[in-house]
Amino acid sequence: MVAQRLIQITLPAAPPDQLWQRVEAAWSAVPPKHILSLFESMPRIRAYYEQMLEFERGRNIGLKEAGCANRRIVHYMGRSDAAIRRCWQEWAKKGRFQHHDGSGRPRTTADREGRLVVR
């Protein structure tokens, strides 16, 4: 839809700033319902134990900021309500949504030493 609108513009080549303004204008003309239907049409295949990717966390924050309810985000993302809530709480409190290291036994060797270990 955005590409179709940009193709219709037959203006001469312009500097990057003007091109970016054209893209923003075309994007803002797309109805929010159409954008949401595009998100909902994306496949949701994942393992139940898999951690949320940074892209998924960003999408979660974006949907939440757009006013979507947790139930709708849970249905759309295929994640648990608790995972969606934790991601949002971390964003609201700390302003970040970074991947956390897993639990487990701490390493006893440094990365450099680990490369030298022969198995």
Protein backbone atom coordinates (compact mmCIF):
# COMPACT_ATOMS: atom_id res chain seq x y z
CA MET A 1 0.00 0.00 0.00
CA VAL A 2 2.79 2.42 0.91
CA ALA A 3 4.82 1.28 -2.10
CA GLN A 4 1.84 1.87 -4.38
CA ARG A 5 1.46 5.42 -3.07
CA LEU A 6 5.16 6.11 -3.53
CA ILE A 7 5.10 4.77 -7.10
CA GLN A 8 2.27 7.16 -7.94
CA ILE A 9 4.50 10.11 -7.06
CA THR A 10 6.32 11.06 -10.25
CA LEU A 11 8.55 13.81 -8.97
CA PRO A 12 12.21 14.14 -9.99
CA ALA A 13 14.95 12.73 -7.80
CA ALA A 14 15.24 14.51 -4.48
CA PRO A 15 17.65 14.65 -1.54
CA PRO A 16 17.25 11.95 1.14
CA ASP A 17 15.39 14.32 3.49
CA GLN A 18 12.67 14.96 0.93
CA LEU A 19 12.43 11.26 0.08
CA TRP A 20 12.04 10.44 3.76
CA GLN A 21 9.26 13.05 4.08
CA ARG A 22 7.45 11.42 1.15
CA VAL A 23 7.72 8.00 2.77
CA GLU A 24 6.43 9.38 6.09
CA ALA A 25 3.51 11.07 4.34
CA ALA A 26 2.59 7.87 2.49
CA TRP A 27 2.93 5.79 5.67
CA SER A 28 0.77 8.14 7.75
CA ALA A 29 -1.98 7.83 5.11
CA VAL A 30 -2.26 4.06 5.75
CA PRO A 31 -5.25 3.32 8.03
CA PRO A 32 -4.28 1.80 11.43
CA LYS A 33 -6.74 -1.07 10.89
CA HIS A 34 -4.81 -2.07 7.76
CA ILE A 35 -1.52 -2.05 9.69
CA LEU A 36 -3.03 -4.19 12.44
CA SER A 37 -4.37 -6.67 9.87
CA LEU A 38 -0.86 -6.93 8.41
CA PHE A 39 0.57 -7.72 11.85
CA GLU A 40 -2.14 -10.30 12.48
CA SER A 41 -1.45 -12.00 9.15
CA MET A 42 2.19 -12.69 10.08
CA PRO A 43 2.94 -16.32 11.09
CA ARG A 44 3.26 -17.12 14.78
CA ILE A 45 5.34 -20.28 14.94
CA ARG A 46 7.56 -20.71 17.97
CA ALA A 47 8.49 -23.16 20.69
CA TYR A 48 6.77 -22.62 24.03
CA TYR A 49 10.07 -22.33 25.90
CA GLU A 50 11.71 -19.91 23.45
CA GLN A 51 12.62 -16.48 24.78
CA MET A 52 11.09 -13.42 23.19
CA LEU A 53 13.24 -11.91 20.47
CA GLU A 54 14.18 -8.25 20.67
CA PHE A 55 11.98 -7.62 17.62
CA GLU A 56 9.02 -9.27 19.37
CA ARG A 57 9.63 -7.21 22.49
CA GLY A 58 9.64 -4.05 20.39
CA ARG A 59 6.44 -5.13 18.64
CA ASN A 60 4.87 -5.83 22.04
CA ILE A 61 5.77 -2.33 23.27
CA GLY A 62 4.51 -0.78 20.02
CA LEU A 63 1.15 -2.55 20.22
CA LYS A 64 0.79 -1.62 23.89
CA GLU A 65 1.59 2.03 23.15
CA ALA A 66 -0.91 1.95 20.28
CA GLY A 67 -3.59 1.13 22.84
CA CYS A 68 -4.07 -2.61 22.27
CA ALA A 69 -5.30 -4.62 25.24
CA ASN A 70 -3.13 -7.37 26.73
CA ARG A 71 -5.57 -10.05 25.55
CA ARG A 72 -5.29 -8.93 21.97
CA ILE A 73 -1.48 -8.80 22.17
CA VAL A 74 -1.41 -12.27 23.77
CA HIS A 75 -3.59 -13.65 20.98
CA TYR A 76 -1.58 -11.93 18.27
CA MET A 77 1.91 -12.71 19.60
CA GLY A 78 1.18 -16.24 20.81
CA ARG A 79 2.84 -15.54 24.15
CA SER A 80 1.59 -15.84 27.69
CA ASP A 81 -0.10 -12.97 29.45
CA ALA A 82 2.68 -12.98 32.06
CA ALA A 83 5.41 -12.62 29.40
CA ILE A 84 3.61 -9.70 27.78
CA ARG A 85 3.02 -8.04 31.16
CA ARG A 86 6.66 -8.50 32.29
CA CYS A 87 7.95 -7.01 29.06
CA TRP A 88 5.70 -3.97 29.44
CA GLN A 89 6.54 -3.54 33.14
CA GLU A 90 10.27 -3.59 32.39
CA TRP A 91 9.75 -1.00 29.64
CA ALA A 92 7.63 1.22 31.93
CA LYS A 93 10.01 1.02 34.91
CA LYS A 94 13.44 0.90 33.30
CA GLY A 95 12.85 2.17 29.78
CA ARG A 96 14.44 -0.91 28.21
CA PHE A 97 13.51 -4.39 27.11
CA GLN A 98 16.82 -6.18 26.79
CA HIS A 99 17.40 -9.89 26.67
CA HIS A 100 18.45 -11.24 30.07
CA ASP A 101 21.10 -13.88 30.53
CA GLY A 102 19.73 -17.27 31.46
CA SER A 103 20.10 -18.80 34.86
CA GLY A 104 22.58 -21.55 35.50
CA ARG A 105 26.01 -22.24 36.79
CA PRO A 106 28.41 -19.31 36.36
CA ARG A 107 31.38 -19.83 34.06
CA THR A 108 34.68 -20.69 35.69
CA THR A 109 36.76 -19.78 32.66
CA ALA A 110 36.97 -16.60 30.66
CA ASP A 111 35.89 -16.59 27.01
CA ARG A 112 39.52 -16.57 25.88
CA GLU A 113 40.38 -19.57 28.08
CA GLY A 114 37.24 -21.37 26.90
CA ARG A 115 38.40 -21.23 23.29
CA LEU A 116 41.64 -23.00 24.25
CA VAL A 117 39.88 -25.92 25.98
CA VAL A 118 40.10 -29.05 23.83
CA ARG A 119 37.21 -31.50 24.09
